[in-house]
């Protein structure tokens, strides 16, 4: 029997980049659905929100996102695939060491 004051640890599922996906932090909104993102691999890409996610995904500066680099011009451009929605998810990534290269800029 749990008491009302006690907090039980909440289980959260955090999406981790898979395949060619890269973590990044939104540096600047450029208008439309485009933004400048500093990626975990050290490259700065101009990224867009694809049409299927355009209405569902609201991104601001300093948000942590997952980027899918383009096949052609992958060093300069990419698509925003996922946005981390809470401080708990970002803290989880930081504890696991996924955001080590971005710590200096963050």
PDB file of N, CA and C in Angstrom:
ATOM      1  N   UNK A   1       0.841  -1.167   0.000  1.00  0.00           N
ATOM      2  CA  UNK A   1       0.000   0.000   0.000  1.00  0.00           C
ATOM      3  C   UNK A   1       0.896   1.243   0.000  1.00  0.00           C
ATOM      4  N   UNK A   2       0.701   2.114  -0.964  1.00  0.00           N
ATOM      5  CA  UNK A   2       1.564   3.289  -1.055  1.00  0.00           C
ATOM      6  C   UNK A   2       0.898   4.491  -0.397  1.00  0.00           C
ATOM      7  N   UNK A   3       1.709   5.306   0.165  1.00  0.00           N
ATOM      8  CA  UNK A   3       1.222   6.517   0.809  1.00  0.00           C
ATOM      9  C   UNK A   3       1.112   7.622  -0.243  1.00  0.00           C
ATOM     10  N   UNK A   4       0.226   8.583  -0.051  1.00  0.00           N
ATOM     11  CA  UNK A   4       0.056   9.642  -1.045  1.00  0.00           C
ATOM     12  C   UNK A   4       1.288  10.541  -1.199  1.00  0.00           C
ATOM     13  N   UNK A   5       2.139  10.649  -0.161  1.00  0.00           N
ATOM     14  CA  UNK A   5       3.305  11.527  -0.230  1.00  0.00           C
ATOM     15  C   UNK A   5       4.439  10.894  -1.027  1.00  0.00           C
ATOM     16  N   UNK A   6       4.484   9.560  -1.060  1.00  0.00           N
ATOM     17  CA  UNK A   6       5.599   8.880  -1.712  1.00  0.00           C
ATOM     18  C   UNK A   6       5.468   8.967  -3.225  1.00  0.00           C
ATOM     19  N   UNK A   7       6.575   9.231  -3.840  1.00  0.00           N
ATOM     20  CA  UNK A   7       6.601   9.269  -5.298  1.00  0.00           C
ATOM     21  C   UNK A   7       7.200   7.979  -5.812  1.00  0.00           C
ATOM     22  N   UNK A   8       6.494   7.352  -6.722  1.00  0.00           N
ATOM     23  CA  UNK A   8       7.035   6.165  -7.354  1.00  0.00           C
ATOM     24  C   UNK A   8       7.805   6.601  -8.588  1.00  0.00           C
ATOM     25  N   UNK A   9       8.947   5.978  -8.865  1.00  0.00           N
ATOM     26  CA  UNK A   9       9.698   6.375 -10.049  1.00  0.00           C
ATOM     27  C   UNK A   9       8.885   6.076 -11.317  1.00  0.00           C
ATOM     28  N   UNK A  10       8.789   7.075 -12.181  1.00  0.00           N
ATOM     29  CA  UNK A  10       8.016   6.902 -13.405  1.00  0.00           C
ATOM     30  C   UNK A  10       8.901   6.310 -14.481  1.00  0.00           C
ATOM     31  N   UNK A  11       8.342   5.384 -15.215  1.00  0.00           N
ATOM     32  CA  UNK A  11       9.061   4.752 -16.310  1.00  0.00           C
ATOM     33  C   UNK A  11       8.773   5.552 -17.573  1.00  0.00           C
ATOM     34  N   UNK A  12       9.831   6.009 -18.238  1.00  0.00           N
ATOM     35  CA  UNK A  12       9.639   6.747 -19.482  1.00  0.00           C
ATOM     36  C   UNK A  12      10.359   6.020 -20.603  1.00  0.00           C
ATOM     37  N   UNK A  13       9.778   6.079 -21.775  1.00  0.00           N
ATOM     38  CA  UNK A  13      10.408   5.507 -22.957  1.00  0.00           C
ATOM     39  C   UNK A  13      11.031   6.646 -23.735  1.00  0.00           C
ATOM     40  N   UNK A  14      12.305   6.528 -24.028  1.00  0.00           N
ATOM     41  CA  UNK A  14      13.009   7.571 -24.757  1.00  0.00           C
ATOM     42  C   UNK A  14      13.481   7.000 -26.078  1.00  0.00           C
ATOM     43  N   UNK A  15      13.138   7.689 -27.153  1.00  0.00           N
ATOM     44  CA  UNK A  15      13.556   7.252 -28.480  1.00  0.00           C
ATOM     45  C   UNK A  15      15.024   7.595 -28.679  1.00  0.00           C
ATOM     46  N   UNK A  16      15.795   6.620 -29.159  1.00  0.00           N
ATOM     47  CA  UNK A  16      17.227   6.788 -29.383  1.00  0.00           C
ATOM     48  C   UNK A  16      17.474   6.748 -30.888  1.00  0.00           C
ATOM     49  N   UNK A  17      18.383   7.580 -31.408  1.00  0.00           N
ATOM     50  CA  UNK A  17      18.637   7.578 -32.852  1.00  0.00           C
ATOM     51  C   UNK A  17      19.066   6.200 -33.347  1.00  0.00           C
ATOM     52  N   UNK A  18      18.532   5.821 -34.510  1.00  0.00           N
ATOM     53  CA  UNK A  18      18.844   4.521 -35.094  1.00  0.00           C
ATOM     54  C   UNK A  18      19.342   4.715 -36.514  1.00  0.00           C
ATOM     55  N   UNK A  19      20.240   3.860 -36.942  1.00  0.00           N
ATOM     56  CA  UNK A  19      20.741   3.926 -38.315  1.00  0.00           C
ATOM     57  C   UNK A  19      21.544   5.189 -38.554  1.00  0.00           C
ATOM     58  N   UNK A  20      21.144   5.966 -39.540  1.00  0.00           N
ATOM     59  CA  UNK A  20      21.863   7.194 -39.896  1.00  0.00           C
ATOM     60  C   UNK A  20      21.348   8.424 -39.165  1.00  0.00           C
ATOM     61  N   UNK A  21      20.407   8.254 -38.257  1.00  0.00           N
ATOM     62  CA  UNK A  21      19.849   9.391 -37.532  1.00  0.00           C
ATOM     63  C   UNK A  21      20.882   9.969 -36.568  1.00  0.00           C
ATOM     64  N   UNK A  22      20.791  11.295 -36.345  1.00  0.00           N
ATOM     65  CA  UNK A  22      21.753  12.015 -35.509  1.00  0.00           C
ATOM     66  C   UNK A  22      20.988  12.920 -34.549  1.00  0.00           C
ATOM     67  N   UNK A  23      21.487  13.043 -33.324  1.00  0.00           N
ATOM     68  CA  UNK A  23      20.922  14.003 -32.376  1.00  0.00           C
ATOM     69  C   UNK A  23      21.409  15.409 -32.712  1.00  0.00           C
ATOM     70  N   UNK A  24      20.574  16.406 -32.409  1.00  0.00           N
ATOM     71  CA  UNK A  24      20.976  17.789 -32.643  1.00  0.00           C
ATOM     72  C   UNK A  24      20.194  18.744 -31.768  1.00  0.00           C
ATOM     73  N   UNK A  25      20.684  19.988 -31.703  1.00  0.00           N
ATOM     74  CA  UNK A  25      20.016  21.052 -30.966  1.00  0.00           C
ATOM     75  C   UNK A  25      19.680  22.163 -31.948  1.00  0.00           C
ATOM     76  N   UNK A  26      18.444  22.630 -31.910  1.00  0.00           N
ATOM     77  CA  UNK A  26      18.002  23.690 -32.814  1.00  0.00           C
ATOM     78  C   UNK A  26      18.683  24.991 -32.387  1.00  0.00           C
ATOM     79  N   UNK A  27      19.457  25.573 -33.296  1.00  0.00           N
ATOM     80  CA  UNK A  27      20.157  26.830 -33.018  1.00  0.00           C
ATOM     81  C   UNK A  27      19.295  28.040 -33.354  1.00  0.00           C
ATOM     82  N   UNK A  28      18.615  27.990 -34.525  1.00  0.00           N
ATOM     83  CA  UNK A  28      17.910  29.171 -35.001  1.00  0.00           C
ATOM     84  C   UNK A  28      16.780  28.757 -35.926  1.00  0.00           C
ATOM     85  N   UNK A  29      15.627  29.398 -35.780  1.00  0.00           N
ATOM     86  CA  UNK A  29      14.518  29.195 -36.713  1.00  0.00           C
ATOM     87  C   UNK A  29      14.739  30.120 -37.905  1.00  0.00           C
ATOM     88  N   UNK A  30      14.543  29.603 -39.110  1.00  0.00           N
ATOM     89  CA  UNK A  30      14.816  30.384 -40.314  1.00  0.00           C
ATOM     90  C   UNK A  30      13.547  30.788 -41.052  1.00  0.00           C
ATOM     91  N   UNK A  31      12.406  30.334 -40.604  1.00  0.00           N
ATOM     92  CA  UNK A  31      11.155  30.663 -41.274  1.00  0.00           C
ATOM     93  C   UNK A  31      10.623  29.473 -42.034  1.00  0.00           C
ATOM     94  N   UNK A  32       9.323  29.470 -42.252  1.00  0.00           N
ATOM     95  CA  UNK A  32       8.713  28.301 -42.869  1.00  0.00           C
ATOM     96  C   UNK A  32       8.871  27.120 -41.940  1.00  0.00           C
ATOM     97  N   UNK A  33       9.295  26.015 -42.454  1.00  0.00           N
ATOM     98  CA  UNK A  33       9.539  24.852 -41.606  1.00  0.00           C
ATOM     99  C   UNK A  33      11.023  24.545 -41.538  1.00  0.00           C
ATOM    100  N   UNK A  34      11.867  25.536 -41.797  1.00  0.00           N
ATOM    101  CA  UNK A  34      13.316  25.339 -41.805  1.00  0.00           C
ATOM    102  C   UNK A  34      13.962  25.902 -40.549  1.00  0.00           C
ATOM    103  N   UNK A  35      15.097  25.284 -40.190  1.00  0.00           N
ATOM    104  CA  UNK A  35      15.835  25.729 -39.010  1.00  0.00           C
ATOM    105  C   UNK A  35      17.300  25.319 -39.136  1.00  0.00           C
ATOM    106  N   UNK A  36      18.161  25.987 -38.404  1.00  0.00           N
ATOM    107  CA  UNK A  36      19.587  25.642 -38.350  1.00  0.00           C
ATOM    108  C   UNK A  36      19.793  24.779 -37.114  1.00  0.00           C
ATOM    109  N   UNK A  37      20.379  23.582 -37.328  1.00  0.00           N
ATOM    110  CA  UNK A  37      20.542  22.612 -36.241  1.00  0.00           C
ATOM    111  C   UNK A  37      22.013  22.249 -36.110  1.00  0.00           C
ATOM    112  N   UNK A  38      22.538  22.303 -34.885  1.00  0.00           N
ATOM    113  CA  UNK A  38      23.889  21.840 -34.585  1.00  0.00           C
ATOM    114  C   UNK A  38      23.793  20.367 -34.212  1.00  0.00           C
ATOM    115  N   UNK A  39      24.395  19.507 -35.029  1.00  0.00           N
ATOM    116  CA  UNK A  39      24.248  18.060 -34.866  1.00  0.00           C
ATOM    117  C   UNK A  39      25.366  17.486 -34.007  1.00  0.00           C
ATOM    118  N   UNK A  40      25.129  16.293 -33.494  1.00  0.00           N
ATOM    119  CA  UNK A  40      26.054  15.607 -32.605  1.00  0.00           C
ATOM    120  C   UNK A  40      27.367  15.275 -33.301  1.00  0.00           C
ATOM    121  N   UNK A  41      27.344  15.095 -34.635  1.00  0.00           N
ATOM    122  CA  UNK A  41      28.567  14.775 -35.372  1.00  0.00           C
ATOM    123  C   UNK A  41      29.408  16.008 -35.677  1.00  0.00           C
ATOM    124  N   UNK A  42      29.046  17.166 -35.114  1.00  0.00           N
ATOM    125  CA  UNK A  42      29.840  18.377 -35.269  1.00  0.00           C
ATOM    126  C   UNK A  42      29.477  19.222 -36.479  1.00  0.00           C
ATOM    127  N   UNK A  43      28.513  18.789 -37.272  1.00  0.00           N
ATOM    128  CA  UNK A  43      28.123  19.535 -38.469  1.00  0.00           C
ATOM    129  C   UNK A  43      26.891  20.373 -38.169  1.00  0.00           C
ATOM    130  N   UNK A  44      26.807  21.501 -38.856  1.00  0.00           N
ATOM    131  CA  UNK A  44      25.637  22.357 -38.732  1.00  0.00           C
ATOM    132  C   UNK A  44      24.815  22.201 -40.003  1.00  0.00           C
ATOM    133  N   UNK A  45      23.563  21.780 -39.848  1.00  0.00           N
ATOM    134  CA  UNK A  45      22.719  21.499 -41.004  1.00  0.00           C
ATOM    135  C   UNK A  45      21.505  22.420 -41.031  1.00  0.00           C
ATOM    136  N   UNK A  46      21.040  22.709 -42.244  1.00  0.00           N
ATOM    137  CA  UNK A  46      19.761  23.372 -42.434  1.00  0.00           C
ATOM    138  C   UNK A  46      18.734  22.251 -42.540  1.00  0.00           C
ATOM    139  N   UNK A  47      17.815  22.185 -41.591  1.00  0.00           N
ATOM    140  CA  UNK A  47      16.863  21.085 -41.539  1.00  0.00           C
ATOM    141  C   UNK A  47      15.445  21.608 -41.712  1.00  0.00           C
ATOM    142  N   UNK A  48      14.585  20.726 -42.189  1.00  0.00           N
ATOM    143  CA  UNK A  48      13.190  21.081 -42.374  1.00  0.00           C
ATOM    144  C   UNK A  48      12.328  20.039 -41.687  1.00  0.00           C
ATOM    145  N   UNK A  49      11.083  20.431 -41.424  1.00  0.00           N
ATOM    146  CA  UNK A  49      10.118  19.488 -40.882  1.00  0.00           C
ATOM    147  C   UNK A  49       9.356  18.934 -42.074  1.00  0.00           C
ATOM    148  N   UNK A  50       9.383  17.610 -42.289  1.00  0.00           N
ATOM    149  CA  UNK A  50       8.688  17.048 -43.440  1.00  0.00           C
ATOM    150  C   UNK A  50       7.178  17.270 -43.363  1.00  0.00           C
ATOM    151  N   UNK A  51       6.518  17.200 -44.498  1.00  0.00           N
ATOM    152  CA  UNK A  51       5.092  17.504 -44.587  1.00  0.00           C
ATOM    153  C   UNK A  51       4.207  16.688 -43.670  1.00  0.00           C
ATOM    154  N   UNK A  52       4.547  15.419 -43.464  1.00  0.00           N
ATOM    155  CA  UNK A  52       3.704  14.570 -42.624  1.00  0.00           C
ATOM    156  C   UNK A  52       3.738  14.997 -41.153  1.00  0.00           C
ATOM    157  N   UNK A  53       4.804  15.667 -40.730  1.00  0.00           N
ATOM    158  CA  UNK A  53       4.931  16.095 -39.332  1.00  0.00           C
ATOM    159  C   UNK A  53       4.719  17.593 -39.143  1.00  0.00           C
ATOM    160  N   UNK A  54       4.502  18.331 -40.222  1.00  0.00           N
ATOM    161  CA  UNK A  54       4.503  19.789 -40.151  1.00  0.00           C
ATOM    162  C   UNK A  54       3.501  20.344 -39.147  1.00  0.00           C
ATOM    163  N   UNK A  55       2.300  19.789 -39.102  1.00  0.00           N
ATOM    164  CA  UNK A  55       1.278  20.303 -38.184  1.00  0.00           C
ATOM    165  C   UNK A  55       1.417  19.726 -36.770  1.00  0.00           C
ATOM    166  N   UNK A  56       2.027  18.575 -36.656  1.00  0.00           N
ATOM    167  CA  UNK A  56       2.103  17.892 -35.361  1.00  0.00           C
ATOM    168  C   UNK A  56       3.337  18.260 -34.556  1.00  0.00           C
ATOM    169  N   UNK A  57       4.389  18.757 -35.209  1.00  0.00           N
ATOM    170  CA  UNK A  57       5.668  18.979 -34.538  1.00  0.00           C
ATOM    171  C   UNK A  57       5.968  20.471 -34.446  1.00  0.00           C
ATOM    172  N   UNK A  58       5.986  21.002 -33.231  1.00  0.00           N
ATOM    173  CA  UNK A  58       6.301  22.415 -32.999  1.00  0.00           C
ATOM    174  C   UNK A  58       7.679  22.474 -32.359  1.00  0.00           C
ATOM    175  N   UNK A  59       8.609  23.115 -33.048  1.00  0.00           N
ATOM    176  CA  UNK A  59       9.999  23.134 -32.604  1.00  0.00           C
ATOM    177  C   UNK A  59      10.419  24.563 -32.304  1.00  0.00           C
ATOM    178  N   UNK A  60      11.130  24.748 -31.193  1.00  0.00           N
ATOM    179  CA  UNK A  60      11.670  26.057 -30.811  1.00  0.00           C
ATOM    180  C   UNK A  60      13.187  25.973 -30.722  1.00  0.00           C
ATOM    181  N   UNK A  61      13.824  27.118 -30.514  1.00  0.00           N
ATOM    182  CA  UNK A  61      15.274  27.134 -30.338  1.00  0.00           C
ATOM    183  C   UNK A  61      15.630  26.397 -29.051  1.00  0.00           C
ATOM    184  N   UNK A  62      16.794  25.742 -29.072  1.00  0.00           N
ATOM    185  CA  UNK A  62      17.349  24.959 -27.962  1.00  0.00           C
ATOM    186  C   UNK A  62      16.601  23.654 -27.696  1.00  0.00           C
ATOM    187  N   UNK A  63      15.696  23.246 -28.574  1.00  0.00           N
ATOM    188  CA  UNK A  63      15.060  21.936 -28.445  1.00  0.00           C
ATOM    189  C   UNK A  63      16.026  20.861 -28.936  1.00  0.00           C
ATOM    190  N   UNK A  64      15.998  19.704 -28.299  1.00  0.00           N
ATOM    191  CA  UNK A  64      16.811  18.563 -28.725  1.00  0.00           C
ATOM    192  C   UNK A  64      15.956  17.736 -29.678  1.00  0.00           C
ATOM    193  N   UNK A  65      16.498  17.447 -30.868  1.00  0.00           N
ATOM    194  CA  UNK A  65      15.751  16.755 -31.917  1.00  0.00           C
ATOM    195  C   UNK A  65      16.593  15.635 -32.514  1.00  0.00           C
ATOM    196  N   UNK A  66      15.926  14.746 -33.252  1.00  0.00           N
ATOM    197  CA  UNK A  66      16.614  13.727 -34.034  1.00  0.00           C
ATOM    198  C   UNK A  66      16.536  14.142 -35.493  1.00  0.00           C
ATOM    199  N   UNK A  67      17.690  14.125 -36.163  1.00  0.00           N
ATOM    200  CA  UNK A  67      17.804  14.544 -37.562  1.00  0.00           C
ATOM    201  C   UNK A  67      18.083  13.328 -38.435  1.00  0.00           C
ATOM    202  N   UNK A  68      17.428  13.286 -39.585  1.00  0.00           N
ATOM    203  CA  UNK A  68      17.717  12.279 -40.614  1.00  0.00           C
ATOM    204  C   UNK A  68      18.427  13.017 -41.755  1.00  0.00           C
ATOM    205  N   UNK A  69      19.775  12.894 -41.869  1.00  0.00           N
ATOM    206  CA  UNK A  69      20.478  13.590 -42.956  1.00  0.00           C
ATOM    207  C   UNK A  69      20.001  13.113 -44.323  1.00  0.00           C
ATOM    208  N   UNK A  70      20.009  14.026 -45.291  1.00  0.00           N
ATOM    209  CA  UNK A  70      19.582  13.690 -46.642  1.00  0.00           C
ATOM    210  C   UNK A  70      20.615  12.801 -47.311  1.00  0.00           C
ATOM    211  N   UNK A  71      20.147  11.978 -48.258  1.00  0.00           N
ATOM    212  CA  UNK A  71      21.057  11.127 -49.033  1.00  0.00           C
ATOM    213  C   UNK A  71      22.023  11.988 -49.838  1.00  0.00           C
ATOM    214  N   UNK A  72      21.481  12.981 -50.551  1.00  0.00           N
ATOM    215  CA  UNK A  72      22.312  13.911 -51.318  1.00  0.00           C
ATOM    216  C   UNK A  72      22.472  15.184 -50.499  1.00  0.00           C
ATOM    217  N   UNK A  73      23.678  15.638 -50.315  1.00  0.00           N
ATOM    218  CA  UNK A  73      23.909  16.844 -49.517  1.00  0.00           C
ATOM    219  C   UNK A  73      23.674  16.598 -48.036  1.00  0.00           C
ATOM    220  N   UNK A  74      23.988  15.417 -47.543  1.00  0.00           N
ATOM    221  CA  UNK A  74      23.735  15.054 -46.153  1.00  0.00           C
ATOM    222  C   UNK A  74      24.540  15.841 -45.150  1.00  0.00           C
ATOM    223  N   UNK A  75      25.653  16.463 -45.595  1.00  0.00           N
ATOM    224  CA  UNK A  75      26.456  17.260 -44.664  1.00  0.00           C
ATOM    225  C   UNK A  75      25.839  18.625 -44.419  1.00  0.00           C
ATOM    226  N   UNK A  76      24.961  19.072 -45.320  1.00  0.00           N
ATOM    227  CA  UNK A  76      24.381  20.408 -45.173  1.00  0.00           C
ATOM    228  C   UNK A  76      22.901  20.407 -44.847  1.00  0.00           C
ATOM    229  N   UNK A  77      22.164  19.334 -45.190  1.00  0.00           N
ATOM    230  CA  UNK A  77      20.714  19.361 -45.045  1.00  0.00           C
ATOM    231  C   UNK A  77      20.187  18.089 -44.399  1.00  0.00           C
ATOM    232  N   UNK A  78      18.983  18.189 -43.831  1.00  0.00           N
ATOM    233  CA  UNK A  78      18.364  17.026 -43.210  1.00  0.00           C
ATOM    234  C   UNK A  78      16.920  17.300 -42.848  1.00  0.00           C
ATOM    235  N   UNK A  79      16.251  16.276 -42.345  1.00  0.00           N
ATOM    236  CA  UNK A  79      14.858  16.368 -41.908  1.00  0.00           C
ATOM    237  C   UNK A  79      14.783  16.149 -40.404  1.00  0.00           C
ATOM    238  N   UNK A  80      13.910  16.892 -39.736  1.00  0.00           N
ATOM    239  CA  UNK A  80      13.655  16.695 -38.314  1.00  0.00           C
ATOM    240  C   UNK A  80      12.650  15.555 -38.200  1.00  0.00           C
ATOM    241  N   UNK A  81      13.044  14.475 -37.533  1.00  0.00           N
ATOM    242  CA  UNK A  81      12.213  13.285 -37.445  1.00  0.00           C
ATOM    243  C   UNK A  81      11.470  13.225 -36.105  1.00  0.00           C
ATOM    244  N   UNK A  82      12.100  13.720 -35.034  1.00  0.00           N
ATOM    245  CA  UNK A  82      11.517  13.579 -33.697  1.00  0.00           C
ATOM    246  C   UNK A  82      12.017  14.708 -32.810  1.00  0.00           C
ATOM    247  N   UNK A  83      11.157  15.155 -31.899  1.00  0.00           N
ATOM    248  CA  UNK A  83      11.539  16.169 -30.913  1.00  0.00           C
ATOM    249  C   UNK A  83      11.355  15.575 -29.518  1.00  0.00           C
ATOM    250  N   UNK A  84      12.366  15.745 -28.661  1.00  0.00           N
ATOM    251  CA  UNK A  84      12.263  15.291 -27.270  1.00  0.00           C
ATOM    252  C   UNK A  84      11.388  16.272 -26.515  1.00  0.00           C
ATOM    253  N   UNK A  85      10.356  15.748 -25.847  1.00  0.00           N
ATOM    254  CA  UNK A  85       9.285  16.574 -25.333  1.00  0.00           C
ATOM    255  C   UNK A  85       9.389  16.953 -23.864  1.00  0.00           C
ATOM    256  N   UNK A  86      10.396  16.581 -23.174  1.00  0.00           N
ATOM    257  CA  UNK A  86      10.411  16.946 -21.765  1.00  0.00           C
ATOM    258  C   UNK A  86      11.812  16.973 -21.202  1.00  0.00           C
ATOM    259  N   UNK A  87      11.908  17.603 -20.052  1.00  0.00           N
ATOM    260  CA  UNK A  87      13.203  17.682 -19.385  1.00  0.00           C
ATOM    261  C   UNK A  87      13.677  16.292 -18.967  1.00  0.00           C
ATOM    262  N   UNK A  88      12.744  15.407 -18.633  1.00  0.00           N
ATOM    263  CA  UNK A  88      13.110  14.054 -18.205  1.00  0.00           C
ATOM    264  C   UNK A  88      13.792  13.291 -19.336  1.00  0.00           C
ATOM    265  N   UNK A  89      13.282  13.445 -20.562  1.00  0.00           N
ATOM    266  CA  UNK A  89      13.889  12.748 -21.705  1.00  0.00           C
ATOM    267  C   UNK A  89      15.285  13.274 -21.999  1.00  0.00           C
ATOM    268  N   UNK A  90      15.460  14.596 -21.938  1.00  0.00           N
ATOM    269  CA  UNK A  90      16.770  15.197 -22.196  1.00  0.00           C
ATOM    270  C   UNK A  90      17.757  14.816 -21.095  1.00  0.00           C
ATOM    271  N   UNK A  91      17.301  14.776 -19.847  1.00  0.00           N
ATOM    272  CA  UNK A  91      18.168  14.354 -18.743  1.00  0.00           C
ATOM    273  C   UNK A  91      18.594  12.905 -18.899  1.00  0.00           C
ATOM    274  N   UNK A  92      17.685  12.053 -19.378  1.00  0.00           N
ATOM    275  CA  UNK A  92      18.015  10.658 -19.635  1.00  0.00           C
ATOM    276  C   UNK A  92      19.131  10.557 -20.665  1.00  0.00           C
ATOM    277  N   UNK A  93      19.022  11.330 -21.749  1.00  0.00           N
ATOM    278  CA  UNK A  93      20.059  11.317 -22.793  1.00  0.00           C
ATOM    279  C   UNK A  93      21.391  11.815 -22.245  1.00  0.00           C
ATOM    280  N   UNK A  94      21.334  12.838 -21.411  1.00  0.00           N
ATOM    281  CA  UNK A  94      22.562  13.400 -20.834  1.00  0.00           C
ATOM    282  C   UNK A  94      23.232  12.390 -19.909  1.00  0.00           C
ATOM    283  N   UNK A  95      22.437  11.696 -19.088  1.00  0.00           N
ATOM    284  CA  UNK A  95      22.989  10.699 -18.161  1.00  0.00           C
ATOM    285  C   UNK A  95      23.621   9.530 -18.900  1.00  0.00           C
ATOM    286  N   UNK A  96      23.022   9.132 -20.013  1.00  0.00           N
ATOM    287  CA  UNK A  96      23.543   8.011 -20.792  1.00  0.00           C
ATOM    288  C   UNK A  96      24.713   8.402 -21.691  1.00  0.00           C
ATOM    289  N   UNK A  97      25.021   9.703 -21.775  1.00  0.00           N
ATOM    290  CA  UNK A  97      26.186  10.134 -22.534  1.00  0.00           C
ATOM    291  C   UNK A  97      25.925  10.418 -24.003  1.00  0.00           C
ATOM    292  N   UNK A  98      24.657  10.495 -24.413  1.00  0.00           N
ATOM    293  CA  UNK A  98      24.355  10.764 -25.814  1.00  0.00           C
ATOM    294  C   UNK A  98      24.615  12.221 -26.188  1.00  0.00           C
ATOM    295  N   UNK A  99      24.567  13.124 -25.221  1.00  0.00           N
ATOM    296  CA  UNK A  99      24.730  14.554 -25.514  1.00  0.00           C
ATOM    297  C   UNK A  99      26.111  15.078 -25.139  1.00  0.00           C
ATOM    298  N   UNK A 100      27.109  14.200 -25.025  1.00  0.00           N
ATOM    299  CA  UNK A 100      28.437  14.625 -24.575  1.00  0.00           C
ATOM    300  C   UNK A 100      29.054  15.679 -25.492  1.00  0.00           C
ATOM    301  N   UNK A 101      28.979  15.490 -26.802  1.00  0.00           N
ATOM    302  CA  UNK A 101      29.610  16.439 -27.726  1.00  0.00           C
ATOM    303  C   UNK A 101      28.871  17.763 -27.776  1.00  0.00           C
ATOM    304  N   UNK A 102      27.628  17.799 -27.384  1.00  0.00           N
ATOM    305  CA  UNK A 102      26.842  19.034 -27.428  1.00  0.00           C
ATOM    306  C   UNK A 102      26.857  19.775 -26.102  1.00  0.00           C
ATOM    307  N   UNK A 103      27.447  19.206 -25.068  1.00  0.00           N
ATOM    308  CA  UNK A 103      27.428  19.818 -23.744  1.00  0.00           C
ATOM    309  C   UNK A 103      28.020  21.221 -23.743  1.00  0.00           C
ATOM    310  N   UNK A 104      29.090  21.430 -24.535  1.00  0.00           N
ATOM    311  CA  UNK A 104      29.760  22.734 -24.516  1.00  0.00           C
ATOM    312  C   UNK A 104      28.843  23.833 -25.039  1.00  0.00           C
ATOM    313  N   UNK A 105      28.050  23.526 -26.088  1.00  0.00           N
ATOM    314  CA  UNK A 105      27.193  24.535 -26.693  1.00  0.00           C
ATOM    315  C   UNK A 105      25.885  24.702 -25.959  1.00  0.00           C
ATOM    316  N   UNK A 106      25.474  23.695 -25.199  1.00  0.00           N
ATOM    317  CA  UNK A 106      24.147  23.667 -24.596  1.00  0.00           C
ATOM    318  C   UNK A 106      24.046  24.577 -23.434  1.00  0.00           C
TER     319      UNK A 106
END
